Amino acid sequence: MSELPAELFQQWTHSYEEDTEGVAVYRPADYPFPAARGRRGMDIAADGTFIDHAIGGADVPDIIPGRWSTADGRSLAISFPGAARPDRRLEILHCDDKLLKVRAS
């Protein structure tokens, strides 16, 4: 993968039931997930905007704005300027319009 796939730029919701050791699985926000008390997610926009949808109090999503960049087209370096949230890196293992697999560090 030399450049980021266009399918990456959408809202993704964590499908934790499908996770495997070290690999997190995300599905588009409109995917018919089984019932859950709360699900994390993220919006990745082509303009470098990143929105982290964390699980907040009372299972209500907590929205944390950030920025992403890439140097290699295979991973995202994510930062949260002005927020007390550590930077992170997402290695993209697979991405199409229905499935995103990443390894976080």
Protein backbone atom coordinates (compact mmCIF):
# COMPACT_ATOMS: atom_id res chain seq x y z
CA MET A 1 0.00 0.00 0.00
CA SER A 2 1.83 3.14 -1.14
CA GLU A 3 -0.96 5.60 -0.44
CA LEU A 4 -3.94 5.53 1.85
CA PRO A 5 -7.04 3.91 0.35
CA ALA A 6 -10.03 6.19 -0.28
CA GLU A 7 -12.24 3.78 1.70
CA LEU A 8 -10.35 4.75 4.87
CA PHE A 9 -11.99 8.18 4.96
CA GLN A 10 -15.23 7.55 6.82
CA GLN A 11 -16.60 6.93 10.31
CA TRP A 12 -15.50 3.58 11.76
CA THR A 13 -16.93 1.77 14.79
CA HIS A 14 -14.99 -0.81 16.79
CA SER A 15 -16.23 -4.35 16.20
CA TYR A 16 -14.47 -5.76 19.26
CA GLU A 17 -16.14 -9.15 18.81
CA GLU A 18 -13.94 -9.65 15.73
CA ASP A 19 -10.62 -8.56 17.29
CA THR A 20 -7.73 -10.97 17.30
CA GLU A 21 -4.52 -10.77 19.29
CA GLY A 22 -3.02 -7.35 18.62
CA VAL A 23 -5.44 -6.52 15.79
CA ALA A 24 -8.48 -4.26 16.22
CA VAL A 25 -11.36 -4.58 13.76
CA TYR A 26 -13.60 -1.67 12.73
CA ARG A 27 -16.73 -1.56 10.61
CA PRO A 28 -18.57 1.39 9.03
CA ALA A 29 -20.85 3.20 11.47
CA ASP A 30 -23.98 1.88 9.70
CA TYR A 31 -22.96 -1.78 10.15
CA PRO A 32 -25.63 -3.83 12.01
CA PHE A 33 -23.66 -4.44 15.24
CA PRO A 34 -25.02 -6.64 18.02
CA ALA A 35 -26.23 -4.77 21.08
CA ALA A 36 -23.49 -3.36 23.30
CA ARG A 37 -23.29 -0.90 26.20
CA GLY A 38 -21.01 1.33 24.17
CA ARG A 39 -18.63 1.21 21.24
CA ARG A 40 -15.53 3.20 20.50
CA GLY A 41 -15.01 4.59 17.05
CA MET A 42 -13.20 7.12 14.92
CA ASP A 43 -13.72 9.44 11.99
CA ILE A 44 -10.85 9.71 9.56
CA ALA A 45 -11.13 12.54 7.03
CA ALA A 46 -8.96 13.06 3.95
CA ASP A 47 -8.03 16.58 5.14
CA GLY A 48 -6.09 15.21 8.14
CA THR A 49 -8.92 15.55 10.64
CA PHE A 50 -9.31 12.71 13.12
CA ILE A 51 -12.14 12.38 15.65
CA ASP A 52 -11.84 9.82 18.40
CA HIS A 53 -15.17 8.53 19.71
CA ALA A 54 -14.25 7.24 23.15
CA ILE A 55 -16.71 5.72 25.60
CA GLY A 56 -17.49 8.40 28.15
CA GLY A 57 -19.51 8.44 31.34
CA ALA A 58 -22.87 6.66 31.25
CA ASP A 59 -21.72 4.93 28.03
CA VAL A 60 -22.23 8.17 26.09
CA PRO A 61 -19.60 8.78 23.40
CA ASP A 62 -16.89 11.30 24.25
CA ILE A 63 -15.68 13.13 21.13
CA ILE A 64 -11.99 14.08 21.05
CA PRO A 65 -10.72 15.99 17.99
CA GLY A 66 -7.28 15.23 16.63
CA ARG A 67 -5.09 15.23 13.53
CA TRP A 68 -3.49 12.45 11.53
CA SER A 69 -0.52 12.31 9.17
CA THR A 70 1.28 9.56 7.30
CA ALA A 71 4.82 9.21 6.05
CA ASP A 72 4.54 5.80 4.45
CA GLY A 73 0.90 5.29 3.39
CA ARG A 74 0.65 2.27 5.70
CA SER A 75 0.23 3.90 9.09
CA LEU A 76 -1.31 6.96 10.69
CA ALA A 77 0.42 9.09 13.30
CA ILE A 78 -2.41 10.56 15.38
CA SER A 79 -2.09 13.51 17.71
CA PHE A 80 -4.59 15.33 19.92
CA PRO A 81 -3.35 18.94 20.18
CA GLY A 82 -4.64 20.66 23.30
CA ALA A 83 -6.06 17.46 24.78
CA ALA A 84 -4.66 15.41 27.62
CA ARG A 85 -4.52 12.36 25.38
CA PRO A 86 -1.35 10.59 24.27
CA ASP A 87 -0.38 10.44 20.61
CA ARG A 88 -0.74 7.06 18.95
CA ARG A 89 0.05 5.22 15.76
CA LEU A 90 -2.31 3.00 13.77
CA GLU A 91 -0.79 0.51 11.36
CA ILE A 92 -3.31 -0.26 8.62
CA LEU A 93 -3.34 -3.99 7.98
CA HIS A 94 -6.45 -4.13 5.79
CA CYS A 95 -8.91 -1.55 4.52
CA ASP A 96 -11.86 -1.76 2.17
CA ASP A 97 -15.32 -0.15 2.29
CA LYS A 98 -16.65 -2.71 4.79
CA LEU A 99 -13.68 -3.61 7.01
CA LEU A 100 -10.71 -1.92 8.65
CA LYS A 101 -8.04 -3.86 10.55
CA VAL A 102 -5.40 -1.95 12.48
CA ARG A 103 -2.60 -2.53 14.96
CA ALA A 104 -2.25 0.26 17.51
CA SER A 105 0.89 1.41 19.22
